[in-house]
Amino acid sequence: MCSSDLKLGHLGTVSASPWVWLVAPNSPIKTPQDALAMNREIMWSATGPADGLGDGAAFTCEALKMKCKVVMGYGGSNQAALAVTKGEMDSIYVSDTSANNYVKSGQNRAIASIARKRSRFFPDTPTIFEAVKLDAEQAWLFDFRANIEDLGRILVVPPNMSASRLKFMQEAVRKALTDPEVIEIGRAH
């Protein structure tokens, strides 16, 4: 059987939100322009090379032509965000839902939404398009990245699951994602 014959079953999309650039509350980086003006590498915390945090930071640095170093190996976004708070790292790139938790706790500060739309959690924080004068290539790169992030966190099951089992699981996910109590718990966190 050819690998193209294997089709994952789609259960649903849990979250699709813009990602946000965070710094420490006392960071000298108040805006993306501040980071661009620094005469040193900007250190970004991440868990791995393709984890959202790491590839998003690398993508942002490349698009802005900014000197950066992405430091991988943190055990999760909580540890990576704490490294920024402690001053071990300068920045972190996270979904706005995670960013909301870190900012509400006073642990980090948002400086830009990395999309054309502002985060619902940070309506006063500019987008990268508002904060930096981007050329056409940079705008295309950020739009490309935002379109990928708009796909959200997709839930899938292994290939060739029986239709009845897939339908059962899709219904269970739909019920969970539309349950008012589950939605309220999600909003609180």
Protein backbone atom coordinates (compact mmCIF):
# COMPACT_ATOMS: atom_id res chain seq x y z
CA MET A 1 0.00 0.00 0.00
CA CYS A 2 1.34 3.40 -0.98
CA SER A 3 1.59 5.98 1.81
CA SER A 4 -0.65 8.30 -0.24
CA ASP A 5 -3.43 5.71 0.18
CA LEU A 6 -3.38 6.29 3.93
CA LYS A 7 -5.72 9.07 4.96
CA LEU A 8 -5.93 10.37 8.48
CA GLY A 9 -9.39 10.79 9.94
CA HIS A 10 -10.24 14.38 10.91
CA LEU A 11 -11.92 14.86 14.29
CA GLY A 12 -11.94 18.63 14.50
CA THR A 13 -9.97 21.79 15.13
CA VAL A 14 -9.57 22.78 18.74
CA SER A 15 -7.94 26.18 18.49
CA ALA A 16 -6.87 28.57 15.78
CA SER A 17 -5.44 31.79 17.08
CA PRO A 18 -2.68 34.24 16.27
CA TRP A 19 0.69 33.67 17.87
CA VAL A 20 2.31 36.35 19.97
CA TRP A 21 5.84 37.61 20.67
CA LEU A 22 6.43 37.85 24.43
CA VAL A 23 9.26 39.34 26.49
CA ALA A 24 9.91 39.71 30.22
CA PRO A 25 7.97 42.43 32.05
CA ASN A 26 11.18 44.40 32.69
CA SER A 27 12.74 43.74 29.27
CA PRO A 28 14.34 46.65 27.42
CA ILE A 29 12.47 45.31 24.39
CA LYS A 30 9.21 47.25 24.42
CA THR A 31 8.47 46.90 20.69
CA PRO A 32 9.71 44.78 17.79
CA GLN A 33 11.63 47.88 16.64
CA ASP A 34 13.60 47.80 19.90
CA ALA A 35 14.69 44.22 19.17
CA LEU A 36 15.66 45.16 15.62
CA ALA A 37 17.78 48.04 16.92
CA MET A 38 19.71 45.94 19.44
CA ASN A 39 23.31 45.31 18.52
CA ARG A 40 23.28 41.67 19.66
CA GLU A 41 21.52 38.37 19.12
CA ILE A 42 18.00 38.13 20.45
CA MET A 43 17.70 34.87 22.41
CA TRP A 44 14.46 32.89 21.94
CA SER A 45 13.42 29.95 24.14
CA ALA A 46 11.93 26.83 22.58
CA THR A 47 11.39 23.14 23.19
CA GLY A 48 12.48 21.83 19.79
CA PRO A 49 13.13 22.76 16.16
CA ALA A 50 9.57 22.25 14.94
CA ASP A 51 7.44 22.89 18.01
CA GLY A 52 5.72 26.16 17.19
CA LEU A 53 7.90 28.01 19.66
CA GLY A 54 11.15 27.18 17.88
CA ASP A 55 10.08 27.31 14.28
CA GLY A 56 7.92 30.39 14.90
CA ALA A 57 10.86 32.21 16.50
CA ALA A 58 13.19 31.18 13.67
CA PHE A 59 10.62 32.24 11.10
CA THR A 60 10.14 35.63 12.79
CA CYS A 61 13.88 36.24 12.95
CA GLU A 62 14.37 35.28 9.31
CA ALA A 63 11.47 37.40 8.09
CA LEU A 64 12.69 40.43 10.06
CA LYS A 65 16.34 39.77 9.11
CA MET A 66 17.11 39.97 12.81
CA LYS A 67 20.14 38.47 14.55
CA CYS A 68 18.76 35.67 16.75
CA LYS A 69 19.57 32.45 18.48
CA VAL A 70 16.80 29.94 19.18
CA VAL A 71 17.69 27.89 22.26
CA MET A 72 15.94 24.53 22.32
CA GLY A 73 15.58 22.01 25.10
CA TYR A 74 13.01 23.54 27.42
CA GLY A 75 10.50 20.99 28.72
CA GLY A 76 7.45 22.89 27.47
CA SER A 77 6.11 26.37 26.87
CA ASN A 78 5.78 26.98 30.64
CA GLN A 79 9.50 26.39 31.18
CA ALA A 80 10.38 28.36 28.03
CA ALA A 81 8.26 31.32 29.19
CA LEU A 82 9.80 31.17 32.66
CA ALA A 83 13.28 31.37 31.08
CA VAL A 84 12.19 34.67 29.52
CA THR A 85 10.82 35.91 32.84
CA LYS A 86 14.11 35.08 34.58
CA GLY A 87 16.12 36.87 31.91
CA GLU A 88 17.82 33.71 30.63
CA MET A 89 16.16 34.36 27.26
CA ASP A 90 14.88 37.54 25.60
CA SER A 91 11.76 36.31 23.83
CA ILE A 92 9.27 33.54 23.30
CA TYR A 93 6.80 32.89 20.48
CA VAL A 94 3.54 31.30 21.70
CA SER A 95 -0.14 30.99 20.82
CA ASP A 96 -2.25 33.82 22.15
CA THR A 97 -4.06 31.43 24.48
CA SER A 98 -0.77 30.51 26.19
CA ALA A 99 0.40 34.13 26.02
CA ASN A 100 -2.77 35.19 27.83
CA ASN A 101 -1.89 32.96 30.80
CA TYR A 102 1.69 34.24 30.99
CA VAL A 103 0.70 37.90 30.68
CA LYS A 104 -2.23 37.65 33.14
CA SER A 105 0.11 36.17 35.74
CA GLY A 106 2.57 39.05 35.24
CA GLN A 107 5.21 36.65 34.00
CA ASN A 108 5.58 38.08 30.48
CA ARG A 109 4.55 41.04 28.32
CA ALA A 110 3.17 40.92 24.76
CA ILE A 111 4.84 43.15 22.17
CA ALA A 112 3.24 41.98 18.89
CA SER A 113 0.73 39.60 17.39
CA ILE A 114 2.46 37.81 14.53
CA ALA A 115 -0.46 38.07 12.12
CA ARG A 116 -2.60 40.71 10.45
CA LYS A 117 -5.20 40.49 13.21
CA ARG A 118 -4.73 41.49 16.79
CA SER A 119 -5.15 38.92 19.51
CA ARG A 120 -8.51 38.92 21.26
CA PHE A 121 -6.56 38.83 24.54
CA PHE A 122 -4.31 41.76 23.63
CA PRO A 123 -6.44 44.21 21.65
CA ASP A 124 -4.03 47.07 22.44
CA THR A 125 -0.94 45.14 21.30
CA PRO A 126 -0.08 45.85 17.67
CA THR A 127 0.33 43.28 14.96
CA ILE A 128 3.75 42.80 13.40
CA PHE A 129 2.28 44.55 10.34
CA GLU A 130 1.48 47.62 12.47
CA ALA A 131 4.69 47.55 14.52
CA VAL A 132 7.24 47.19 11.72
CA LYS A 133 7.41 48.62 8.21
CA LEU A 134 7.56 45.39 6.23
CA ASP A 135 8.58 45.04 2.61
CA ALA A 136 6.51 42.87 0.26
CA GLU A 137 8.59 39.74 0.89
CA GLN A 138 8.40 40.13 4.67
CA ALA A 139 4.63 40.68 4.51
CA TRP A 140 4.26 37.58 2.34
CA LEU A 141 6.31 35.51 4.80
CA PHE A 142 4.26 36.64 7.80
CA ASP A 143 1.00 36.04 5.90
CA PHE A 144 2.22 32.56 4.95
CA ARG A 145 3.04 31.75 8.58
CA ALA A 146 -0.27 33.16 9.84
CA ASN A 147 -2.18 31.05 7.30
CA ILE A 148 -0.49 27.93 8.65
CA GLU A 149 -1.33 28.95 12.22
CA ASP A 150 -4.93 29.60 11.18
CA LEU A 151 -5.21 25.85 10.61
CA GLY A 152 -5.11 25.57 14.38
CA ARG A 153 -4.62 22.50 16.50
CA ILE A 154 -6.10 19.77 14.39
CA LEU A 155 -7.23 16.50 15.95
CA VAL A 156 -6.73 13.43 13.76
CA VAL A 157 -6.89 9.67 14.15
CA PRO A 158 -4.79 6.97 12.51
CA PRO A 159 -5.36 6.06 8.86
CA ASN A 160 -8.13 3.73 7.77
CA MET A 161 -10.20 3.86 10.95
CA SER A 162 -13.61 2.31 10.46
CA ALA A 163 -16.30 4.80 9.42
CA SER A 164 -18.48 3.99 12.44
CA ARG A 165 -15.64 4.46 14.93
CA LEU A 166 -14.56 7.71 13.22
CA LYS A 167 -18.13 9.03 13.31
CA PHE A 168 -18.43 8.12 17.01
CA MET A 169 -15.17 9.93 17.84
CA GLN A 170 -16.12 12.98 15.76
CA GLU A 171 -19.39 13.26 17.64
CA ALA A 172 -17.62 12.92 21.01
CA VAL A 173 -15.17 15.70 20.06
CA ARG A 174 -18.02 17.90 18.78
CA LYS A 175 -19.92 17.46 22.06
CA ALA A 176 -16.84 18.26 24.13
CA LEU A 177 -15.89 21.33 22.10
CA THR A 178 -19.41 22.77 22.21
CA ASP A 179 -20.14 21.94 25.87
CA PRO A 180 -20.68 25.29 27.70
CA GLU A 181 -18.95 24.02 30.85
CA VAL A 182 -15.87 22.87 28.91
CA ILE A 183 -15.79 26.19 27.02
CA GLU A 184 -15.95 28.14 30.29
CA ILE A 185 -13.11 26.09 31.78
CA GLY A 186 -11.06 26.80 28.66
CA ARG A 187 -11.72 30.53 28.92
CA ALA A 188 -10.67 30.55 32.55
CA HIS A 189 -7.29 29.03 31.68
